[in-house]
């Protein structure tokens, strides 16, 4: 409900084209998705949870 109200205000009161509002919503949605799918920084800093690293035993020729 709130999202459609913001879009209505942008189109009617600020006189923005509907395409511009749709592109803006797409950009905001993209960044929201990218930021909400990030792993916590502690896990990215090397906290492996006690698991040993996997080593490659094959020789490179």
N, C-alpha and C. Protein backbone atom coordinates (compact mmCIF):
# COMPACT_ATOMS: atom_id res chain seq x y z
N UNK A 1 0.83 -1.19 0.00
CA UNK A 1 0.00 0.00 0.00
C UNK A 1 0.86 1.25 0.00
N UNK A 2 1.90 1.25 0.82
CA UNK A 2 2.75 2.43 0.94
C UNK A 2 3.52 2.68 -0.35
N UNK A 3 3.98 1.59 -1.00
CA UNK A 3 4.76 1.74 -2.23
C UNK A 3 3.92 2.36 -3.34
N UNK A 4 2.68 1.92 -3.45
CA UNK A 4 1.82 2.47 -4.49
C UNK A 4 1.47 3.93 -4.19
N UNK A 5 1.38 4.28 -2.91
CA UNK A 5 1.10 5.66 -2.53
C UNK A 5 2.28 6.56 -2.91
N UNK A 6 3.49 6.09 -2.70
CA UNK A 6 4.68 6.86 -3.08
C UNK A 6 4.71 7.05 -4.59
N UNK A 7 4.42 6.00 -5.34
CA UNK A 7 4.38 6.12 -6.79
C UNK A 7 3.31 7.09 -7.26
N UNK A 8 2.15 7.06 -6.63
CA UNK A 8 1.06 7.98 -6.97
C UNK A 8 1.48 9.43 -6.73
N UNK A 9 2.13 9.67 -5.59
CA UNK A 9 2.58 11.03 -5.26
C UNK A 9 3.62 11.50 -6.27
N UNK A 10 4.54 10.62 -6.65
CA UNK A 10 5.56 11.01 -7.62
C UNK A 10 4.96 11.36 -8.97
N UNK A 11 3.96 10.60 -9.39
CA UNK A 11 3.35 10.83 -10.71
C UNK A 11 2.42 12.04 -10.70
N UNK A 12 1.53 12.12 -9.71
CA UNK A 12 0.50 13.15 -9.73
C UNK A 12 1.02 14.51 -9.25
N UNK A 13 1.63 14.53 -8.08
CA UNK A 13 2.01 15.82 -7.50
C UNK A 13 3.32 16.37 -8.03
N UNK A 14 4.28 15.50 -8.32
CA UNK A 14 5.57 15.96 -8.84
C UNK A 14 5.63 15.96 -10.35
N UNK A 15 4.56 15.46 -10.98
CA UNK A 15 4.41 15.44 -12.44
C UNK A 15 5.56 14.68 -13.13
N UNK A 16 5.98 13.57 -12.54
CA UNK A 16 6.99 12.72 -13.16
C UNK A 16 6.31 11.72 -14.09
N UNK A 17 6.95 11.34 -15.18
CA UNK A 17 6.37 10.32 -16.05
C UNK A 17 6.35 8.95 -15.36
N UNK A 18 5.39 8.14 -15.73
CA UNK A 18 5.25 6.82 -15.12
C UNK A 18 6.48 5.96 -15.40
N UNK A 19 7.07 6.10 -16.58
CA UNK A 19 8.27 5.33 -16.94
C UNK A 19 9.42 5.69 -16.00
N UNK A 20 9.58 6.96 -15.70
CA UNK A 20 10.66 7.39 -14.80
C UNK A 20 10.46 6.80 -13.40
N UNK A 21 9.23 6.76 -12.93
CA UNK A 21 8.94 6.20 -11.62
C UNK A 21 9.21 4.69 -11.64
N UNK A 22 8.87 4.02 -12.74
CA UNK A 22 9.11 2.58 -12.85
C UNK A 22 10.61 2.26 -12.87
N UNK A 23 11.39 3.06 -13.58
CA UNK A 23 12.84 2.86 -13.61
C UNK A 23 13.44 3.11 -12.23
N UNK A 24 12.98 4.15 -11.56
CA UNK A 24 13.47 4.44 -10.21
C UNK A 24 13.14 3.29 -9.25
N UNK A 25 11.93 2.76 -9.37
CA UNK A 25 11.54 1.63 -8.52
C UNK A 25 12.39 0.40 -8.82
N UNK A 26 12.73 0.18 -10.08
CA UNK A 26 13.58 -0.94 -10.45
C UNK A 26 14.99 -0.81 -9.88
N UNK A 27 15.53 0.39 -9.92
CA UNK A 27 16.87 0.63 -9.37
C UNK A 27 16.87 0.43 -7.86
N UNK A 28 15.86 0.96 -7.20
CA UNK A 28 15.76 0.79 -5.74
C UNK A 28 15.59 -0.69 -5.40
N UNK A 29 14.78 -1.40 -6.16
CA UNK A 29 14.59 -2.83 -5.92
C UNK A 29 15.85 -3.63 -6.12
N UNK A 30 16.63 -3.27 -7.14
CA UNK A 30 17.90 -3.96 -7.40
C UNK A 30 18.86 -3.78 -6.22
N UNK A 31 19.04 -2.54 -5.78
CA UNK A 31 19.96 -2.30 -4.67
C UNK A 31 19.46 -2.91 -3.37
N UNK A 32 18.15 -2.89 -3.15
CA UNK A 32 17.60 -3.51 -1.95
C UNK A 32 17.88 -5.02 -1.94
N UNK A 33 17.71 -5.65 -3.10
CA UNK A 33 17.98 -7.08 -3.21
C UNK A 33 19.46 -7.39 -2.99
N UNK A 34 20.33 -6.59 -3.58
CA UNK A 34 21.76 -6.84 -3.42
C UNK A 34 22.19 -6.65 -1.97
N UNK A 35 21.68 -5.64 -1.31
CA UNK A 35 22.10 -5.38 0.07
C UNK A 35 21.48 -6.37 1.06
N UNK A 36 20.29 -6.86 0.78
CA UNK A 36 19.65 -7.78 1.72
C UNK A 36 20.17 -9.20 1.58
N UNK A 37 20.85 -9.53 0.48
CA UNK A 37 21.39 -10.87 0.28
C UNK A 37 22.85 -11.01 0.69
N UNK A 38 23.44 -9.98 1.26
CA UNK A 38 24.83 -10.05 1.68
C UNK A 38 24.97 -10.92 2.92
N UNK A 39 26.09 -11.62 3.01
CA UNK A 39 26.39 -12.39 4.21
C UNK A 39 26.95 -11.45 5.26
N UNK A 40 26.83 -11.81 6.53
CA UNK A 40 27.41 -10.96 7.58
C UNK A 40 28.92 -10.84 7.42
N UNK A 41 29.47 -9.73 7.86
CA UNK A 41 30.89 -9.47 7.68
C UNK A 41 31.76 -10.44 8.47
N UNK A 42 31.27 -10.96 9.59
CA UNK A 42 32.07 -11.90 10.38
C UNK A 42 32.31 -13.19 9.61
N UNK A 43 31.33 -13.65 8.86
CA UNK A 43 31.51 -14.87 8.07
C UNK A 43 32.46 -14.63 6.91
N UNK A 44 32.45 -13.46 6.35
CA UNK A 44 33.32 -13.15 5.23
C UNK A 44 34.76 -12.88 5.69
N UNK A 45 34.95 -12.62 6.98
CA UNK A 45 36.28 -12.29 7.49
C UNK A 45 37.13 -13.51 7.78
N UNK A 46 36.62 -14.71 7.53
CA UNK A 46 37.43 -15.89 7.71
C UNK A 46 36.93 -16.84 8.77
N UNK A 47 35.78 -16.61 9.33
CA UNK A 47 35.21 -17.52 10.31
C UNK A 47 34.68 -18.75 9.58
N UNK A 48 35.46 -19.83 9.54
CA UNK A 48 35.08 -21.00 8.76
C UNK A 48 34.27 -21.98 9.58
N UNK A 49 33.98 -21.68 10.80
CA UNK A 49 33.16 -22.57 11.61
C UNK A 49 33.89 -23.83 12.05
N UNK A 50 35.20 -23.82 12.06
CA UNK A 50 35.97 -24.97 12.51
C UNK A 50 36.27 -25.99 11.42
N UNK A 51 35.81 -25.78 10.22
CA UNK A 51 36.07 -26.73 9.14
C UNK A 51 37.46 -26.51 8.57
N UNK A 52 38.13 -27.60 8.26
CA UNK A 52 39.46 -27.52 7.68
C UNK A 52 39.34 -27.13 6.21
N UNK A 53 40.30 -26.35 5.72
CA UNK A 53 40.25 -25.97 4.31
C UNK A 53 40.49 -27.18 3.41
N UNK A 54 39.85 -27.20 2.27
CA UNK A 54 40.00 -28.30 1.31
C UNK A 54 41.23 -28.02 0.46
N UNK A 55 42.13 -29.01 0.40
CA UNK A 55 43.34 -28.84 -0.38
C UNK A 55 43.25 -29.66 -1.65
N UNK A 56 43.83 -29.16 -2.71
CA UNK A 56 43.85 -29.83 -4.00
C UNK A 56 45.11 -30.71 -4.07
N UNK A 57 44.92 -32.03 -4.10
CA UNK A 57 46.05 -32.94 -4.12
C UNK A 57 46.57 -33.26 -5.51
N UNK A 58 45.85 -32.85 -6.53
CA UNK A 58 46.29 -33.15 -7.88
C UNK A 58 47.41 -32.22 -8.30
N UNK A 59 48.30 -32.78 -9.10
CA UNK A 59 49.40 -31.97 -9.63
C UNK A 59 48.93 -31.16 -10.83
N UNK A 60 49.46 -29.97 -10.98
CA UNK A 60 49.16 -29.15 -12.14
C UNK A 60 50.23 -29.36 -13.19
N UNK A 61 49.85 -29.80 -14.36
CA UNK A 61 50.81 -30.05 -15.45
C UNK A 61 50.64 -29.05 -16.53
